[in-house]
Structure formats: structure tokens, C-alpha cells
Amino acid sequence: ARSPFQNEFDLQLLQEFKVKAGTSVNRLQVTFAILNIGNMLNKKWGHSIYASNQQFNLINYKGVVGSTPTFTYDGSGQTNGNPYLLSDLLSRWRGQIGLRYIFN
């Protein structure tokens, strides 16, 4: 409830090759993945937004007045007017290559 909607989507390409080893046929898979491809297409897309546990409190306990506990809302803990931060490192697109050998 503290941060705006965010989305991230990935793309993965996979090619499989049959490898004959003796009497059995094994498989070799080669993969290439682009993580957070939206940020690769447009720098304003795929941002990773977070709010740490103690960075910003929505309500603060002030004490008891009579027999009623009192709370206040204090927006002073906000960063740039927002209760969340933008992670520059996690918002970047990343590439990944993989190999997988499957024995039968």
C-alpha cells in the first residue's frame, strides 16, 4: 500500500539439440534470457520500487489520552515526497546465458 504499481517482464529463448551418446539419445539445451526487457526498450519502464521496513511509518503511536490510544500520521519520513525508493541497480535489464545437459 506504500508504493505504486510496478511491472517487469522477461524474455527467454531456448534451443534444444539431440546428442547421441552410445545407445541413448541425450539432449543439450542452450538458453538466452533477457531479464526486465521493458527497461531495455525504454529507460522509464521496469523500475524496481521498494520501501524498507523502518524507512517510513504510516502511523505513529503518541500515547494514551484518557483510556484511548492516540496515533498520528507523519509524512516527514518521505524521500522526495514519496514513502518509497527507486532501486537503480535492480531496475536495469540483465542478460543470462544457460546450458543444460539432460541424460536419458
PDB file of N, CA and C in Angstrom:
ATOM      1  N   ALA A   1       0.811  -1.190   0.000  1.00  0.00           N
ATOM      2  CA  ALA A   1       0.000   0.000   0.000  1.00  0.00           C
ATOM      3  C   ALA A   1       0.856   1.256   0.000  1.00  0.00           C
ATOM      4  N   ARG A   2       2.179   1.098   0.033  1.00  0.00           N
ATOM      5  CA  ARG A   2       3.043   2.264   0.115  1.00  0.00           C
ATOM      6  C   ARG A   2       3.666   2.658  -1.217  1.00  0.00           C
ATOM      7  N   SER A   3       3.695   1.770  -2.172  1.00  0.00           N
ATOM      8  CA  SER A   3       4.373   2.080  -3.426  1.00  0.00           C
ATOM      9  C   SER A   3       3.421   1.922  -4.607  1.00  0.00           C
ATOM     10  N   PRO A   4       3.727   2.585  -5.733  1.00  0.00           N
ATOM     11  CA  PRO A   4       2.861   2.469  -6.909  1.00  0.00           C
ATOM     12  C   PRO A   4       3.016   1.115  -7.594  1.00  0.00           C
ATOM     13  N   PHE A   5       2.111   0.843  -8.526  1.00  0.00           N
ATOM     14  CA  PHE A   5       2.149  -0.404  -9.284  1.00  0.00           C
ATOM     15  C   PHE A   5       3.449  -0.472 -10.074  1.00  0.00           C
ATOM     16  N   GLN A   6       4.045  -1.631 -10.106  1.00  0.00           N
ATOM     17  CA  GLN A   6       5.251  -1.838 -10.902  1.00  0.00           C
ATOM     18  C   GLN A   6       5.145  -3.160 -11.634  1.00  0.00           C
ATOM     19  N   ASN A   7       5.819  -3.238 -12.781  1.00  0.00           N
ATOM     20  CA  ASN A   7       5.802  -4.488 -13.533  1.00  0.00           C
ATOM     21  C   ASN A   7       7.168  -4.709 -14.161  1.00  0.00           C
ATOM     22  N   GLU A   8       7.439  -5.966 -14.439  1.00  0.00           N
ATOM     23  CA  GLU A   8       8.689  -6.364 -15.068  1.00  0.00           C
ATOM     24  C   GLU A   8       8.394  -7.619 -15.869  1.00  0.00           C
ATOM     25  N   PHE A   9       8.863  -7.674 -17.100  1.00  0.00           N
ATOM     26  CA  PHE A   9       8.677  -8.891 -17.883  1.00  0.00           C
ATOM     27  C   PHE A   9       9.993  -9.296 -18.517  1.00  0.00           C
ATOM     28  N   ASP A  10      10.120 -10.595 -18.745  1.00  0.00           N
ATOM     29  CA  ASP A  10      11.364 -11.192 -19.214  1.00  0.00           C
ATOM     30  C   ASP A  10      11.122 -11.907 -20.542  1.00  0.00           C
ATOM     31  N   LEU A  11      12.211 -12.168 -21.247  1.00  0.00           N
ATOM     32  CA  LEU A  11      12.164 -12.917 -22.497  1.00  0.00           C
ATOM     33  C   LEU A  11      13.228 -14.003 -22.431  1.00  0.00           C
ATOM     34  N   GLN A  12      12.847 -15.240 -22.794  1.00  0.00           N
ATOM     35  CA  GLN A  12      13.807 -16.339 -22.810  1.00  0.00           C
ATOM     36  C   GLN A  12      13.682 -17.101 -24.122  1.00  0.00           C
ATOM     37  N   LEU A  13      14.830 -17.347 -24.758  1.00  0.00           N
ATOM     38  CA  LEU A  13      14.897 -18.151 -25.975  1.00  0.00           C
ATOM     39  C   LEU A  13      15.617 -19.445 -25.634  1.00  0.00           C
ATOM     40  N   LEU A  14      15.091 -20.579 -26.131  1.00  0.00           N
ATOM     41  CA  LEU A  14      15.664 -21.891 -25.832  1.00  0.00           C
ATOM     42  C   LEU A  14      15.811 -22.679 -27.122  1.00  0.00           C
ATOM     43  N   GLN A  15      16.975 -23.273 -27.301  1.00  0.00           N
ATOM     44  CA  GLN A  15      17.215 -24.166 -28.438  1.00  0.00           C
ATOM     45  C   GLN A  15      17.681 -25.503 -27.878  1.00  0.00           C
ATOM     46  N   GLU A  16      17.071 -26.582 -28.363  1.00  0.00           N
ATOM     47  CA  GLU A  16      17.416 -27.915 -27.871  1.00  0.00           C
ATOM     48  C   GLU A  16      18.059 -28.721 -28.984  1.00  0.00           C
ATOM     49  N   PHE A  17      19.142 -29.438 -28.646  1.00  0.00           N
ATOM     50  CA  PHE A  17      19.864 -30.280 -29.593  1.00  0.00           C
ATOM     51  C   PHE A  17      19.870 -31.709 -29.073  1.00  0.00           C
ATOM     52  N   LYS A  18      19.730 -32.667 -29.976  1.00  0.00           N
ATOM     53  CA  LYS A  18      19.830 -34.082 -29.601  1.00  0.00           C
ATOM     54  C   LYS A  18      21.288 -34.496 -29.720  1.00  0.00           C
ATOM     55  N   VAL A  19      21.770 -35.187 -28.687  1.00  0.00           N
ATOM     56  CA  VAL A  19      23.164 -35.643 -28.655  1.00  0.00           C
ATOM     57  C   VAL A  19      23.149 -37.153 -28.474  1.00  0.00           C
ATOM     58  N   LYS A  20      23.712 -37.871 -29.462  1.00  0.00           N
ATOM     59  CA  LYS A  20      23.755 -39.332 -29.366  1.00  0.00           C
ATOM     60  C   LYS A  20      25.001 -39.714 -28.571  1.00  0.00           C
ATOM     61  N   ALA A  21      24.791 -40.434 -27.467  1.00  0.00           N
ATOM     62  CA  ALA A  21      25.884 -40.886 -26.605  1.00  0.00           C
ATOM     63  C   ALA A  21      25.731 -42.393 -26.415  1.00  0.00           C
ATOM     64  N   GLY A  22      26.474 -43.142 -27.193  1.00  0.00           N
ATOM     65  CA  GLY A  22      26.348 -44.604 -27.120  1.00  0.00           C
ATOM     66  C   GLY A  22      25.020 -45.043 -27.701  1.00  0.00           C
ATOM     67  N   THR A  23      24.241 -45.758 -26.893  1.00  0.00           N
ATOM     68  CA  THR A  23      22.934 -46.247 -27.354  1.00  0.00           C
ATOM     69  C   THR A  23      21.787 -45.303 -26.974  1.00  0.00           C
ATOM     70  N   SER A  24      22.054 -44.323 -26.162  1.00  0.00           N
ATOM     71  CA  SER A  24      20.980 -43.413 -25.745  1.00  0.00           C
ATOM     72  C   SER A  24      21.114 -42.062 -26.450  1.00  0.00           C
ATOM     73  N   VAL A  25      19.993 -41.353 -26.513  1.00  0.00           N
ATOM     74  CA  VAL A  25      19.954 -40.013 -27.103  1.00  0.00           C
ATOM     75  C   VAL A  25      19.684 -39.025 -25.977  1.00  0.00           C
ATOM     76  N   ASN A  26      20.671 -38.206 -25.678  1.00  0.00           N
ATOM     77  CA  ASN A  26      20.543 -37.175 -24.647  1.00  0.00           C
ATOM     78  C   ASN A  26      20.197 -35.842 -25.313  1.00  0.00           C
ATOM     79  N   ARG A  27      19.927 -34.846 -24.486  1.00  0.00           N
ATOM     80  CA  ARG A  27      19.561 -33.532 -25.021  1.00  0.00           C
ATOM     81  C   ARG A  27      20.442 -32.452 -24.401  1.00  0.00           C
ATOM     82  N   LEU A  28      20.782 -31.479 -25.204  1.00  0.00           N
ATOM     83  CA  LEU A  28      21.514 -30.306 -24.754  1.00  0.00           C
ATOM     84  C   LEU A  28      20.647 -29.092 -25.024  1.00  0.00           C
ATOM     85  N   GLN A  29      20.384 -28.306 -23.975  1.00  0.00           N
ATOM     86  CA  GLN A  29      19.580 -27.105 -24.130  1.00  0.00           C
ATOM     87  C   GLN A  29      20.473 -25.878 -23.932  1.00  0.00           C
ATOM     88  N   VAL A  30      20.343 -24.929 -24.830  1.00  0.00           N
ATOM     89  CA  VAL A  30      21.050 -23.652 -24.738  1.00  0.00           C
ATOM     90  C   VAL A  30      19.983 -22.574 -24.594  1.00  0.00           C
ATOM     91  N   THR A  31      20.112 -21.745 -23.565  1.00  0.00           N
ATOM     92  CA  THR A  31      19.115 -20.698 -23.327  1.00  0.00           C
ATOM     93  C   THR A  31      19.785 -19.333 -23.305  1.00  0.00           C
ATOM     94  N   PHE A  32      19.023 -18.335 -23.707  1.00  0.00           N
ATOM     95  CA  PHE A  32      19.422 -16.936 -23.606  1.00  0.00           C
ATOM     96  C   PHE A  32      18.226 -16.189 -23.054  1.00  0.00           C
ATOM     97  N   ALA A  33      18.420 -15.494 -21.959  1.00  0.00           N
ATOM     98  CA  ALA A  33      17.321 -14.769 -21.317  1.00  0.00           C
ATOM     99  C   ALA A  33      17.683 -13.306 -21.146  1.00  0.00           C
ATOM    100  N   ILE A  34      16.700 -12.456 -21.358  1.00  0.00           N
ATOM    101  CA  ILE A  34      16.821 -11.033 -21.049  1.00  0.00           C
ATOM    102  C   ILE A  34      15.828 -10.757 -19.931  1.00  0.00           C
ATOM    103  N   LEU A  35      16.347 -10.398 -18.763  1.00  0.00           N
ATOM    104  CA  LEU A  35      15.527 -10.101 -17.606  1.00  0.00           C
ATOM    105  C   LEU A  35      15.210  -8.607 -17.596  1.00  0.00           C
ATOM    106  N   ASN A  36      13.967  -8.267 -17.355  1.00  0.00           N
ATOM    107  CA  ASN A  36      13.481  -6.890 -17.355  1.00  0.00           C
ATOM    108  C   ASN A  36      13.684  -6.254 -18.731  1.00  0.00           C
ATOM    109  N   ILE A  37      13.180  -6.917 -19.752  1.00  0.00           N
ATOM    110  CA  ILE A  37      13.346  -6.437 -21.128  1.00  0.00           C
ATOM    111  C   ILE A  37      12.645  -5.097 -21.361  1.00  0.00           C
ATOM    112  N   GLY A  38      11.641  -4.790 -20.568  1.00  0.00           N
ATOM    113  CA  GLY A  38      10.974  -3.492 -20.698  1.00  0.00           C
ATOM    114  C   GLY A  38      11.940  -2.343 -20.481  1.00  0.00           C
ATOM    115  N   ASN A  39      12.853  -2.477 -19.524  1.00  0.00           N
ATOM    116  CA  ASN A  39      13.835  -1.432 -19.263  1.00  0.00           C
ATOM    117  C   ASN A  39      14.847  -1.333 -20.397  1.00  0.00           C
ATOM    118  N   MET A  40      15.079  -2.434 -21.109  1.00  0.00           N
ATOM    119  CA  MET A  40      15.978  -2.399 -22.263  1.00  0.00           C
ATOM    120  C   MET A  40      15.344  -1.600 -23.405  1.00  0.00           C
ATOM    121  N   LEU A  41      14.018  -1.691 -23.551  1.00  0.00           N
ATOM    122  CA  LEU A  41      13.310  -0.986 -24.610  1.00  0.00           C
ATOM    123  C   LEU A  41      13.109   0.490 -24.293  1.00  0.00           C
ATOM    124  N   ASN A  42      12.852   0.803 -23.010  1.00  0.00           N
ATOM    125  CA  ASN A  42      12.597   2.177 -22.592  1.00  0.00           C
ATOM    126  C   ASN A  42      13.106   2.352 -21.164  1.00  0.00           C
ATOM    127  N   LYS A  43      13.961   3.329 -20.906  1.00  0.00           N
ATOM    128  CA  LYS A  43      14.566   3.512 -19.582  1.00  0.00           C
ATOM    129  C   LYS A  43      13.546   3.876 -18.497  1.00  0.00           C
ATOM    130  N   LYS A  44      12.347   4.280 -18.887  1.00  0.00           N
ATOM    131  CA  LYS A  44      11.317   4.633 -17.903  1.00  0.00           C
ATOM    132  C   LYS A  44      10.467   3.425 -17.502  1.00  0.00           C
ATOM    133  N   TRP A  45      10.677   2.275 -18.127  1.00  0.00           N
ATOM    134  CA  TRP A  45       9.902   1.069 -17.840  1.00  0.00           C
ATOM    135  C   TRP A  45      10.700   0.137 -16.936  1.00  0.00           C
ATOM    136  N   GLY A  46      10.002  -0.723 -16.214  1.00  0.00           N
ATOM    137  CA  GLY A  46      10.639  -1.781 -15.435  1.00  0.00           C
ATOM    138  C   GLY A  46      11.397  -1.306 -14.214  1.00  0.00           C
ATOM    139  N   HIS A  47      10.968  -0.226 -13.610  1.00  0.00           N
ATOM    140  CA  HIS A  47      11.638   0.257 -12.409  1.00  0.00           C
ATOM    141  C   HIS A  47      11.293  -0.612 -11.207  1.00  0.00           C
ATOM    142  N   SER A  48      12.270  -0.870 -10.369  1.00  0.00           N
ATOM    143  CA  SER A  48      12.071  -1.635  -9.140  1.00  0.00           C
ATOM    144  C   SER A  48      11.952  -0.659  -7.977  1.00  0.00           C
ATOM    145  N   ILE A  49      10.790  -0.657  -7.351  1.00  0.00           N
ATOM    146  CA  ILE A  49      10.486   0.281  -6.273  1.00  0.00           C
ATOM    147  C   ILE A  49      10.328  -0.502  -4.980  1.00  0.00           C
ATOM    148  N   TYR A  50      10.848   0.031  -3.883  1.00  0.00           N
ATOM    149  CA  TYR A  50      10.749  -0.668  -2.609  1.00  0.00           C
ATOM    150  C   TYR A  50      10.630   0.328  -1.463  1.00  0.00           C
ATOM    151  N   ALA A  51      10.117  -0.172  -0.357  1.00  0.00           N
ATOM    152  CA  ALA A  51      10.066   0.591   0.893  1.00  0.00           C
ATOM    153  C   ALA A  51      10.616  -0.319   1.978  1.00  0.00           C
ATOM    154  N   SER A  52      11.688   0.118   2.624  1.00  0.00           N
ATOM    155  CA  SER A  52      12.271  -0.714   3.669  1.00  0.00           C
ATOM    156  C   SER A  52      11.380  -0.712   4.907  1.00  0.00           C
ATOM    157  N   ASN A  53      11.607  -1.663   5.805  1.00  0.00           N
ATOM    158  CA  ASN A  53      10.731  -1.836   6.961  1.00  0.00           C
ATOM    159  C   ASN A  53      10.624  -0.594   7.839  1.00  0.00           C
ATOM    160  N   GLN A  54      11.733   0.029   8.162  1.00  0.00           N
ATOM    161  CA  GLN A  54      11.709   1.162   9.075  1.00  0.00           C
ATOM    162  C   GLN A  54      11.949   2.495   8.390  1.00  0.00           C
ATOM    163  N   GLN A  55      11.910   2.511   7.073  1.00  0.00           N
ATOM    164  CA  GLN A  55      12.163   3.752   6.347  1.00  0.00           C
ATOM    165  C   GLN A  55      11.051   4.762   6.573  1.00  0.00           C
ATOM    166  N   PHE A  56       9.823   4.289   6.597  1.00  0.00           N
ATOM    167  CA  PHE A  56       8.699   5.203   6.666  1.00  0.00           C
ATOM    168  C   PHE A  56       7.563   4.550   7.433  1.00  0.00           C
ATOM    169  N   ASN A  57       7.107   5.179   8.472  1.00  0.00           N
ATOM    170  CA  ASN A  57       5.967   4.679   9.249  1.00  0.00           C
ATOM    171  C   ASN A  57       4.713   5.427   8.830  1.00  0.00           C
ATOM    172  N   LEU A  58       3.673   4.694   8.496  1.00  0.00           N
ATOM    173  CA  LEU A  58       2.427   5.345   8.113  1.00  0.00           C
ATOM    174  C   LEU A  58       1.758   6.022   9.305  1.00  0.00           C
ATOM    175  N   ILE A  59       1.793   5.358  10.453  1.00  0.00           N
ATOM    176  CA  ILE A  59       1.201   5.941  11.662  1.00  0.00           C
ATOM    177  C   ILE A  59       2.206   5.852  12.801  1.00  0.00           C
ATOM    178  N   ASN A  60       2.114   6.780  13.719  1.00  0.00           N
ATOM    179  CA  ASN A  60       2.992   6.818  14.889  1.00  0.00           C
ATOM    180  C   ASN A  60       2.150   6.823  16.155  1.00  0.00           C
ATOM    181  N   TYR A  61       2.537   5.996  17.086  1.00  0.00           N
ATOM    182  CA  TYR A  61       1.856   5.932  18.376  1.00  0.00           C
ATOM    183  C   TYR A  61       2.316   7.108  19.216  1.00  0.00           C
ATOM    184  N   LYS A  62       1.360   7.899  19.747  1.00  0.00           N
ATOM    185  CA  LYS A  62       1.692   9.080  20.534  1.00  0.00           C
ATOM    186  C   LYS A  62       1.450   8.894  22.025  1.00  0.00           C
ATOM    187  N   GLY A  63       0.624   7.968  22.385  1.00  0.00           N
ATOM    188  CA  GLY A  63       0.351   7.748  23.804  1.00  0.00           C
ATOM    189  C   GLY A  63      -1.128   7.500  24.037  1.00  0.00           C
ATOM    190  N   VAL A  64      -1.500   7.570  25.305  1.00  0.00           N
ATOM    191  CA  VAL A  64      -2.885   7.327  25.703  1.00  0.00           C
ATOM    192  C   VAL A  64      -3.459   8.614  26.266  1.00  0.00           C
ATOM    193  N   VAL A  65      -4.607   9.018  25.755  1.00  0.00           N
ATOM    194  CA  VAL A  65      -5.331  10.175  26.270  1.00  0.00           C
ATOM    195  C   VAL A  65      -6.581   9.628  26.935  1.00  0.00           C
ATOM    196  N   GLY A  66      -6.640   9.732  28.255  1.00  0.00           N
ATOM    197  CA  GLY A  66      -7.730   9.098  28.997  1.00  0.00           C
ATOM    198  C   GLY A  66      -7.536   7.599  28.917  1.00  0.00           C
ATOM    199  N   SER A  67      -8.445   6.918  28.268  1.00  0.00           N
ATOM    200  CA  SER A  67      -8.296   5.472  28.065  1.00  0.00           C
ATOM    201  C   SER A  67      -8.207   5.121  26.578  1.00  0.00           C
ATOM    202  N   THR A  68      -7.994   6.148  25.729  1.00  0.00           N
ATOM    203  CA  THR A  68      -7.952   5.940  24.285  1.00  0.00           C
ATOM    204  C   THR A  68      -6.532   6.130  23.752  1.00  0.00           C
ATOM    205  N   PRO A  69      -5.983   5.123  23.074  1.00  0.00           N
ATOM    206  CA  PRO A  69      -4.664   5.315  22.461  1.00  0.00           C
ATOM    207  C   PRO A  69      -4.766   6.294  21.285  1.00  0.00           C
ATOM    208  N   THR A  70      -3.755   7.126  21.122  1.00  0.00           N
ATOM    209  CA  THR A  70      -3.764   8.111  20.040  1.00  0.00           C
ATOM    210  C   THR A  70      -2.627   7.832  19.065  1.00  0.00           C
ATOM    211  N   PHE A  71      -2.919   8.064  17.788  1.00  0.00           N
ATOM    212  CA  PHE A  71      -1.960   7.858  16.709  1.00  0.00           C
ATOM    213  C   PHE A  71      -1.978   9.077  15.810  1.00  0.00           C
ATOM    214  N   THR A  72      -0.867   9.364  15.179  1.00  0.00           N
ATOM    215  CA  THR A  72      -0.806  10.459  14.219  1.00  0.00           C
ATOM    216  C   THR A  72      -0.151   9.961  12.937  1.00  0.00           C
ATOM    217  N   TYR A  73      -0.474  10.646  11.862  1.00  0.00           N
ATOM    218  CA  TYR A  73       0.167  10.378  10.583  1.00  0.00           C
ATOM    219  C   TYR A  73       1.222  11.460  10.381  1.00  0.00           C
ATOM    220  N   ASP A  74       2.463  11.032  10.102  1.00  0.00           N
ATOM    221  CA  ASP A  74       3.558  11.980   9.914  1.00  0.00           C
ATOM    222  C   ASP A  74       4.252  11.651   8.597  1.00  0.00           C
ATOM    223  N   GLY A  75       4.179  12.556   7.635  1.00  0.00           N
ATOM    224  CA  GLY A  75       4.788  12.321   6.330  1.00  0.00           C
ATOM    225  C   GLY A  75       6.216  12.811   6.232  1.00  0.00           C
ATOM    226  N   SER A  76       6.852  13.129   7.364  1.00  0.00           N
ATOM    227  CA  SER A  76       8.199  13.692   7.312  1.00  0.00           C
ATOM    228  C   SER A  76       9.264  12.677   6.921  1.00  0.00           C
ATOM    229  N   GLY A  77       8.968  11.383   6.987  1.00  0.00           N
ATOM    230  CA  GLY A  77       9.962  10.367   6.647  1.00  0.00           C
ATOM    231  C   GLY A  77      10.045  10.076   5.161  1.00  0.00           C
ATOM    232  N   GLN A  78       9.337  10.841   4.354  1.00  0.00           N
ATOM    233  CA  GLN A  78       9.306  10.565   2.929  1.00  0.00           C
ATOM    234  C   GLN A  78      10.586  11.021   2.247  1.00  0.00           C
ATOM    235  N   THR A  79      10.956  10.314   1.175  1.00  0.00           N
ATOM    236  CA  THR A  79      12.101  10.665   0.346  1.00  0.00           C
ATOM    237  C   THR A  79      11.581  11.249  -0.957  1.00  0.00           C
ATOM    238  N   ASN A  80      11.927  12.467  -1.248  1.00  0.00           N
ATOM    239  CA  ASN A  80      11.440  13.158  -2.450  1.00  0.00           C
ATOM    240  C   ASN A  80       9.915  13.178  -2.514  1.00  0.00           C
ATOM    241  N   GLY A  81       9.276  13.281  -1.379  1.00  0.00           N
ATOM    242  CA  GLY A  81       7.820  13.322  -1.329  1.00  0.00           C
ATOM    243  C   GLY A  81       7.152  11.976  -1.446  1.00  0.00           C
ATOM    244  N   ASN A  82       7.912  10.880  -1.466  1.00  0.00           N
ATOM    245  CA  ASN A  82       7.355   9.538  -1.603  1.00  0.00           C
ATOM    246  C   ASN A  82       7.823   8.646  -0.456  1.00  0.00           C
ATOM    247  N   PRO A  83       6.977   7.726  -0.011  1.00  0.00           N
ATOM    248  CA  PRO A  83       7.395   6.799   1.053  1.00  0.00           C
ATOM    249  C   PRO A  83       8.163   5.590   0.530  1.00  0.00           C
ATOM    250  N   TYR A  84       8.671   5.650  -0.690  1.00  0.00           N
ATOM    251  CA  TYR A  84       9.388   4.529  -1.292  1.00  0.00           C
ATOM    252  C   TYR A  84      10.627   5.052  -2.021  1.00  0.00           C
ATOM    253  N   LEU A  85      11.504   4.136  -2.362  1.00  0.00           N
ATOM    254  CA  LEU A  85      12.726   4.469  -3.095  1.00  0.00           C
ATOM    255  C   LEU A  85      12.776   3.692  -4.405  1.00  0.00           C
ATOM    256  N   LEU A  86      13.499   4.207  -5.363  1.00  0.00           N
ATOM    257  CA  LEU A  86      13.709   3.552  -6.643  1.00  0.00           C
ATOM    258  C   LEU A  86      15.103   2.939  -6.631  1.00  0.00           C
ATOM    259  N   SER A  87      15.188   1.626  -6.846  1.00  0.00           N
ATOM    260  CA  SER A  87      16.474   0.942  -6.882  1.00  0.00           C
ATOM    261  C   SER A  87      17.046   1.034  -8.295  1.00  0.00           C
ATOM    262  N   ASP A  88      18.125   1.805  -8.438  1.00  0.00           N
ATOM    263  CA  ASP A  88      18.741   1.969  -9.750  1.00  0.00           C
ATOM    264  C   ASP A  88      19.356   0.662 -10.243  1.00  0.00           C
ATOM    265  N   LEU A  89      19.996  -0.089  -9.354  1.00  0.00           N
ATOM    266  CA  LEU A  89      20.661  -1.327  -9.744  1.00  0.00           C
ATOM    267  C   LEU A  89      19.656  -2.414 -10.161  1.00  0.00           C
ATOM    268  N   LEU A  90      18.583  -2.597  -9.387  1.00  0.00           N
ATOM    269  CA  LEU A  90      17.597  -3.639  -9.700  1.00  0.00           C
ATOM    270  C   LEU A  90      16.683  -3.257 -10.861  1.00  0.00           C
ATOM    271  N   SER A  91      16.670  -1.980 -11.240  1.00  0.00           N
ATOM    272  CA  SER A  91      15.817  -1.528 -12.337  1.00  0.00           C
ATOM    273  C   SER A  91      16.458  -1.737 -13.697  1.00  0.00           C
ATOM    274  N   ARG A  92      17.696  -2.145 -13.748  1.00  0.00           N
ATOM    275  CA  ARG A  92      18.392  -2.322 -15.029  1.00  0.00           C
ATOM    276  C   ARG A  92      18.055  -3.667 -15.655  1.00  0.00           C
ATOM    277  N   TRP A  93      18.134  -3.720 -16.986  1.00  0.00           N
ATOM    278  CA  TRP A  93      17.939  -5.003 -17.669  1.00  0.00           C
ATOM    279  C   TRP A  93      19.214  -5.819 -17.544  1.00  0.00           C
ATOM    280  N   ARG A  94      19.043  -7.148 -17.596  1.00  0.00           N
ATOM    281  CA  ARG A  94      20.169  -8.059 -17.429  1.00  0.00           C
ATOM    282  C   ARG A  94      20.039  -9.188 -18.445  1.00  0.00           C
ATOM    283  N   GLY A  95      21.172  -9.741 -18.859  1.00  0.00           N
ATOM    284  CA  GLY A  95      21.183 -10.871 -19.777  1.00  0.00           C
ATOM    285  C   GLY A  95      21.740 -12.104 -19.085  1.00  0.00           C
ATOM    286  N   GLN A  96      21.304 -13.262 -19.535  1.00  0.00           N
ATOM    287  CA  GLN A  96      21.738 -14.514 -18.908  1.00  0.00           C
ATOM    288  C   GLN A  96      21.811 -15.605 -19.976  1.00  0.00           C
ATOM    289  N   ILE A  97      22.906 -16.363 -19.958  1.00  0.00           N
ATOM    290  CA  ILE A  97      23.087 -17.488 -20.879  1.00  0.00           C
ATOM    291  C   ILE A  97      23.142 -18.766 -20.052  1.00  0.00           C
ATOM    292  N   GLY A  98      22.499 -19.818 -20.516  1.00  0.00           N
ATOM    293  CA  GLY A  98      22.490 -21.068 -19.771  1.00  0.00           C
ATOM    294  C   GLY A  98      22.691 -22.291 -20.658  1.00  0.00           C
ATOM    295  N   LEU A  99      23.286 -23.314 -20.076  1.00  0.00           N
ATOM    296  CA  LEU A  99      23.460 -24.617 -20.726  1.00  0.00           C
ATOM    297  C   LEU A  99      22.883 -25.685 -19.803  1.00  0.00           C
ATOM    298  N   ARG A 100      22.200 -26.651 -20.403  1.00  0.00           N
ATOM    299  CA  ARG A 100      21.605 -27.745 -19.617  1.00  0.00           C
ATOM    300  C   ARG A 100      21.756 -29.034 -20.416  1.00  0.00           C
ATOM    301  N   TYR A 101      22.347 -30.019 -19.785  1.00  0.00           N
ATOM    302  CA  TYR A 101      22.516 -31.326 -20.431  1.00  0.00           C
ATOM    303  C   TYR A 101      21.595 -32.314 -19.730  1.00  0.00           C
ATOM    304  N   ILE A 102      20.725 -32.964 -20.502  1.00  0.00           N
ATOM    305  CA  ILE A 102      19.711 -33.859 -19.939  1.00  0.00           C
ATOM    306  C   ILE A 102      20.049 -35.293 -20.355  1.00  0.00           C
ATOM    307  N   PHE A 103      20.308 -36.130 -19.365  1.00  0.00           N
ATOM    308  CA  PHE A 103      20.606 -37.533 -19.608  1.00  0.00           C
ATOM    309  C   PHE A 103      19.315 -38.331 -19.691  1.00  0.00           C
ATOM    310  N   ASN A 104      19.257 -39.315 -20.600  1.00  0.00           N
ATOM    311  CA  ASN A 104      18.081 -40.198 -20.681  1.00  0.00           C
ATOM    312  C   ASN A 104      18.401 -41.540 -20.087  1.00  0.00           C
TER     313      ASN A 104
END
